[in-house]
Amino acid sequence: MSQKEHGEVRSTSGTLKGIYHYLDSPSPHLFPFVFISNVTNSLQMFRVCKNGKPIAFPLLLPNQYKIVYIKDFQNVSSCDDITVTEHLEEYIYDESDLD
């Protein structure tokens, strides 16, 4: 697998909340995935985004990690920007990016 994106998830005050890595699949028969690690001592919800639009909202226990598989129906291609942010508020789906 080749690493495509990685980064830190920080709160608005700059506190480190998590670390993520987006890993592309070496085979067309396997799904790419995002590895997310919650580095806090509290329950944390994250937002996985494709080009700024949420595609998943994983909830992680304190000091735990989760693998979020990117399925075919989410139409992620090699030119898409995959990021992870802290989920702070309700997200209102505007249907502007229907793939």
N, C-alpha and C. Protein backbone atom coordinates (compact mmCIF):
# COMPACT_ATOMS: atom_id res chain seq x y z
N MET A 1 0.83 -1.18 0.00
CA MET A 1 0.00 0.00 0.00
C MET A 1 0.87 1.24 0.00
N SER A 2 0.44 2.21 -0.71
CA SER A 2 1.18 3.46 -0.72
C SER A 2 0.43 4.51 0.09
N GLN A 3 1.15 5.25 0.88
CA GLN A 3 0.52 6.27 1.71
C GLN A 3 0.19 7.47 0.86
N LYS A 4 -1.03 7.96 0.96
CA LYS A 4 -1.47 9.09 0.16
C LYS A 4 -1.58 10.35 1.00
N GLU A 5 -2.27 10.27 2.12
CA GLU A 5 -2.50 11.42 2.99
C GLU A 5 -2.27 11.01 4.43
N HIS A 6 -1.83 11.95 5.23
CA HIS A 6 -1.73 11.73 6.67
C HIS A 6 -1.77 13.09 7.35
N GLY A 7 -2.08 13.08 8.62
CA GLY A 7 -2.12 14.35 9.33
C GLY A 7 -2.58 14.20 10.76
N GLU A 8 -2.69 15.36 11.40
CA GLU A 8 -3.15 15.44 12.78
C GLU A 8 -4.52 16.08 12.80
N VAL A 9 -5.33 15.66 13.76
CA VAL A 9 -6.64 16.28 13.99
C VAL A 9 -6.50 17.10 15.26
N ARG A 10 -6.73 18.40 15.15
CA ARG A 10 -6.60 19.29 16.30
C ARG A 10 -7.92 20.02 16.55
N SER A 11 -8.16 20.34 17.81
CA SER A 11 -9.35 21.12 18.17
C SER A 11 -9.14 22.56 17.74
N THR A 12 -10.16 23.38 17.87
CA THR A 12 -10.04 24.79 17.49
C THR A 12 -9.03 25.51 18.37
N SER A 13 -8.77 24.99 19.57
CA SER A 13 -7.78 25.60 20.46
C SER A 13 -6.37 25.05 20.22
N GLY A 14 -6.25 24.08 19.30
CA GLY A 14 -4.93 23.54 18.96
C GLY A 14 -4.56 22.25 19.66
N THR A 15 -5.45 21.72 20.50
CA THR A 15 -5.17 20.47 21.22
C THR A 15 -5.23 19.28 20.26
N LEU A 16 -4.24 18.41 20.34
CA LEU A 16 -4.21 17.23 19.49
C LEU A 16 -5.32 16.26 19.89
N LYS A 17 -6.17 15.90 18.93
CA LYS A 17 -7.29 14.99 19.18
C LYS A 17 -7.07 13.62 18.54
N GLY A 18 -6.34 13.61 17.42
CA GLY A 18 -6.13 12.34 16.73
C GLY A 18 -5.09 12.45 15.64
N ILE A 19 -4.76 11.29 15.11
CA ILE A 19 -3.80 11.17 14.01
C ILE A 19 -4.44 10.26 12.97
N TYR A 20 -4.26 10.58 11.69
CA TYR A 20 -4.84 9.72 10.66
C TYR A 20 -3.86 9.48 9.51
N HIS A 21 -4.10 8.36 8.82
CA HIS A 21 -3.35 7.99 7.62
C HIS A 21 -4.35 7.44 6.61
N TYR A 22 -4.32 7.95 5.40
CA TYR A 22 -5.14 7.40 4.32
C TYR A 22 -4.25 6.49 3.50
N LEU A 23 -4.66 5.25 3.34
CA LEU A 23 -3.86 4.27 2.61
C LEU A 23 -4.65 3.75 1.42
N ASP A 24 -4.07 3.90 0.25
CA ASP A 24 -4.69 3.43 -0.98
C ASP A 24 -4.47 1.92 -1.10
N SER A 25 -5.34 1.27 -1.80
CA SER A 25 -5.25 -0.18 -1.96
C SER A 25 -4.24 -0.56 -3.04
N PRO A 26 -3.49 -1.64 -2.83
CA PRO A 26 -2.55 -2.10 -3.86
C PRO A 26 -3.25 -2.90 -4.96
N SER A 27 -4.53 -3.19 -4.76
CA SER A 27 -5.28 -4.02 -5.69
C SER A 27 -6.65 -3.41 -5.96
N PRO A 28 -7.16 -3.51 -7.18
CA PRO A 28 -8.50 -2.99 -7.46
C PRO A 28 -9.60 -3.79 -6.75
N HIS A 29 -9.26 -4.95 -6.20
CA HIS A 29 -10.24 -5.79 -5.51
C HIS A 29 -10.34 -5.48 -4.02
N LEU A 30 -9.47 -4.62 -3.52
CA LEU A 30 -9.48 -4.25 -2.10
C LEU A 30 -9.84 -2.78 -1.96
N PHE A 31 -10.47 -2.44 -0.85
CA PHE A 31 -10.87 -1.06 -0.60
C PHE A 31 -9.73 -0.27 0.05
N PRO A 32 -9.54 0.99 -0.33
CA PRO A 32 -8.62 1.85 0.42
C PRO A 32 -9.24 2.13 1.79
N PHE A 33 -8.44 2.61 2.73
CA PHE A 33 -8.98 2.88 4.06
C PHE A 33 -8.26 4.04 4.74
N VAL A 34 -8.92 4.53 5.80
CA VAL A 34 -8.35 5.57 6.65
C VAL A 34 -8.14 4.95 8.03
N PHE A 35 -6.91 5.05 8.54
CA PHE A 35 -6.58 4.58 9.88
C PHE A 35 -6.62 5.82 10.78
N ILE A 36 -7.49 5.82 11.79
CA ILE A 36 -7.64 6.96 12.70
C ILE A 36 -7.32 6.52 14.11
N SER A 37 -6.54 7.32 14.82
CA SER A 37 -6.19 7.03 16.20
C SER A 37 -6.66 8.18 17.09
N ASN A 38 -7.47 7.86 18.11
CA ASN A 38 -7.92 8.84 19.10
C ASN A 38 -6.85 8.92 20.18
N VAL A 39 -6.18 10.05 20.31
CA VAL A 39 -5.09 10.19 21.28
C VAL A 39 -5.54 10.87 22.57
N THR A 40 -6.86 11.01 22.76
CA THR A 40 -7.38 11.66 23.96
C THR A 40 -7.85 10.63 24.97
N ASN A 41 -8.21 11.11 26.15
CA ASN A 41 -8.76 10.25 27.20
C ASN A 41 -10.28 10.34 27.25
N SER A 42 -10.89 10.73 26.14
CA SER A 42 -12.34 10.84 26.08
C SER A 42 -12.86 10.32 24.74
N LEU A 43 -14.16 10.02 24.71
CA LEU A 43 -14.82 9.59 23.50
C LEU A 43 -14.71 10.71 22.46
N GLN A 44 -14.40 10.36 21.23
CA GLN A 44 -14.16 11.39 20.21
C GLN A 44 -14.84 10.99 18.90
N MET A 45 -15.55 11.94 18.29
CA MET A 45 -16.15 11.70 16.98
C MET A 45 -15.36 12.47 15.94
N PHE A 46 -15.07 11.80 14.83
CA PHE A 46 -14.31 12.40 13.75
C PHE A 46 -15.16 12.48 12.49
N ARG A 47 -14.69 13.25 11.53
CA ARG A 47 -15.36 13.41 10.25
C ARG A 47 -14.35 13.09 9.15
N VAL A 48 -14.58 12.02 8.38
CA VAL A 48 -13.73 11.68 7.24
C VAL A 48 -14.34 12.38 6.02
N CYS A 49 -13.53 13.18 5.32
CA CYS A 49 -14.03 13.97 4.21
C CYS A 49 -13.33 13.64 2.90
N LYS A 50 -14.09 13.69 1.83
CA LYS A 50 -13.56 13.58 0.46
C LYS A 50 -13.76 14.94 -0.17
N ASN A 51 -12.67 15.62 -0.49
CA ASN A 51 -12.72 16.96 -1.08
C ASN A 51 -13.57 17.92 -0.23
N GLY A 52 -13.46 17.79 1.09
CA GLY A 52 -14.17 18.69 2.00
C GLY A 52 -15.58 18.27 2.36
N LYS A 53 -16.11 17.23 1.73
CA LYS A 53 -17.47 16.75 2.00
C LYS A 53 -17.41 15.47 2.83
N PRO A 54 -18.13 15.40 3.95
CA PRO A 54 -18.09 14.21 4.81
C PRO A 54 -18.59 12.95 4.11
N ILE A 55 -17.87 11.85 4.34
CA ILE A 55 -18.31 10.55 3.82
C ILE A 55 -18.43 9.52 4.93
N ALA A 56 -17.92 9.85 6.14
CA ALA A 56 -18.02 8.93 7.28
C ALA A 56 -17.85 9.72 8.58
N PHE A 57 -18.49 9.22 9.65
CA PHE A 57 -18.43 9.86 10.96
C PHE A 57 -18.08 8.82 12.03
N PRO A 58 -16.84 8.37 12.07
CA PRO A 58 -16.47 7.34 13.06
C PRO A 58 -16.40 7.89 14.48
N LEU A 59 -16.84 7.06 15.43
CA LEU A 59 -16.80 7.37 16.85
C LEU A 59 -15.76 6.46 17.49
N LEU A 60 -14.78 7.05 18.17
CA LEU A 60 -13.69 6.26 18.75
C LEU A 60 -13.65 6.40 20.26
N LEU A 61 -13.42 5.28 20.92
CA LEU A 61 -13.23 5.26 22.37
C LEU A 61 -11.89 5.91 22.71
N PRO A 62 -11.70 6.31 23.97
CA PRO A 62 -10.43 6.93 24.38
C PRO A 62 -9.22 6.04 24.06
N ASN A 63 -8.19 6.66 23.51
CA ASN A 63 -6.92 5.98 23.20
C ASN A 63 -7.09 4.73 22.35
N GLN A 64 -8.04 4.75 21.44
CA GLN A 64 -8.28 3.62 20.55
C GLN A 64 -8.07 4.04 19.10
N TYR A 65 -8.04 3.06 18.21
CA TYR A 65 -7.93 3.35 16.79
C TYR A 65 -9.04 2.63 16.04
N LYS A 66 -9.28 3.07 14.83
CA LYS A 66 -10.31 2.45 14.00
C LYS A 66 -9.87 2.53 12.55
N ILE A 67 -10.21 1.51 11.79
CA ILE A 67 -9.98 1.51 10.35
C ILE A 67 -11.33 1.76 9.68
N VAL A 68 -11.40 2.81 8.87
CA VAL A 68 -12.61 3.17 8.15
C VAL A 68 -12.37 2.84 6.67
N TYR A 69 -13.08 1.84 6.16
CA TYR A 69 -12.92 1.44 4.76
C TYR A 69 -13.69 2.40 3.86
N ILE A 70 -13.06 2.78 2.76
CA ILE A 70 -13.68 3.67 1.78
C ILE A 70 -14.29 2.77 0.71
N LYS A 71 -15.59 2.70 0.68
CA LYS A 71 -16.29 1.78 -0.21
C LYS A 71 -16.40 2.34 -1.63
N ASP A 72 -16.71 1.46 -2.58
CA ASP A 72 -16.87 1.84 -3.98
C ASP A 72 -17.93 2.93 -4.18
N PHE A 73 -19.02 2.87 -3.42
CA PHE A 73 -20.10 3.82 -3.65
C PHE A 73 -19.71 5.26 -3.30
N GLN A 74 -18.60 5.43 -2.61
CA GLN A 74 -18.15 6.78 -2.27
C GLN A 74 -17.28 7.37 -3.38
N ASN A 75 -17.01 6.60 -4.42
CA ASN A 75 -16.31 7.06 -5.62
C ASN A 75 -15.05 7.84 -5.34
N VAL A 76 -14.19 7.33 -4.50
CA VAL A 76 -12.92 7.99 -4.20
C VAL A 76 -11.92 7.61 -5.28
N SER A 77 -11.31 8.62 -5.89
CA SER A 77 -10.30 8.36 -6.91
C SER A 77 -8.96 8.91 -6.44
N SER A 78 -7.92 8.64 -7.20
CA SER A 78 -6.57 9.05 -6.80
C SER A 78 -6.40 10.57 -6.75
N CYS A 79 -7.27 11.32 -7.41
CA CYS A 79 -7.14 12.78 -7.40
C CYS A 79 -7.93 13.42 -6.25
N ASP A 80 -8.69 12.64 -5.49
CA ASP A 80 -9.48 13.18 -4.38
C ASP A 80 -8.61 13.45 -3.16
N ASP A 81 -8.97 14.49 -2.42
CA ASP A 81 -8.28 14.86 -1.19
C ASP A 81 -9.05 14.27 -0.02
N ILE A 82 -8.43 13.33 0.71
CA ILE A 82 -9.06 12.70 1.87
C ILE A 82 -8.47 13.31 3.13
N THR A 83 -9.34 13.85 3.98
CA THR A 83 -8.90 14.47 5.23
C THR A 83 -9.79 13.99 6.38
N VAL A 84 -9.31 14.21 7.60
CA VAL A 84 -10.07 13.87 8.80
C VAL A 84 -10.06 15.09 9.70
N THR A 85 -11.23 15.44 10.23
CA THR A 85 -11.36 16.57 11.14
C THR A 85 -12.13 16.12 12.38
N GLU A 86 -12.10 16.97 13.39
CA GLU A 86 -12.92 16.73 14.58
C GLU A 86 -14.36 17.04 14.23
N HIS A 87 -15.28 16.20 14.65
CA HIS A 87 -16.70 16.46 14.38
C HIS A 87 -17.25 17.29 15.54
N LEU A 88 -17.52 18.56 15.27
CA LEU A 88 -17.92 19.48 16.32
C LEU A 88 -19.41 19.77 16.37
N GLU A 89 -20.06 19.73 15.24
CA GLU A 89 -21.45 20.16 15.18
C GLU A 89 -22.22 19.29 14.19
N GLU A 90 -23.50 19.49 14.16
CA GLU A 90 -24.33 18.75 13.22
C GLU A 90 -23.95 19.15 11.80
N TYR A 91 -23.86 18.17 10.93
CA TYR A 91 -23.56 18.45 9.52
C TYR A 91 -24.86 18.38 8.73
N ILE A 92 -25.14 19.40 7.96
CA ILE A 92 -26.34 19.43 7.13
C ILE A 92 -25.94 19.07 5.71
N TYR A 93 -26.43 17.95 5.22
CA TYR A 93 -26.08 17.46 3.89
C TYR A 93 -26.78 18.32 2.85
N ASP A 94 -26.01 18.93 1.96
CA ASP A 94 -26.60 19.84 0.97
C ASP A 94 -26.76 19.22 -0.42
N GLU A 95 -26.40 17.96 -0.58
CA GLU A 95 -26.55 17.21 -1.83
C GLU A 95 -25.84 17.84 -3.02
N SER A 96 -24.85 18.69 -2.79
CA SER A 96 -24.17 19.37 -3.89
C SER A 96 -23.10 18.51 -4.54
N ASP A 97 -22.72 17.41 -3.91
CA ASP A 97 -21.65 16.58 -4.47
C ASP A 97 -22.12 15.13 -4.59
N LEU A 98 -23.11 14.92 -5.42
CA LEU A 98 -23.61 13.56 -5.64
C LEU A 98 -22.77 12.91 -6.72
N ASP A 99 -21.99 11.91 -6.34
CA ASP A 99 -21.13 11.21 -7.30
C ASP A 99 -21.85 10.02 -7.90
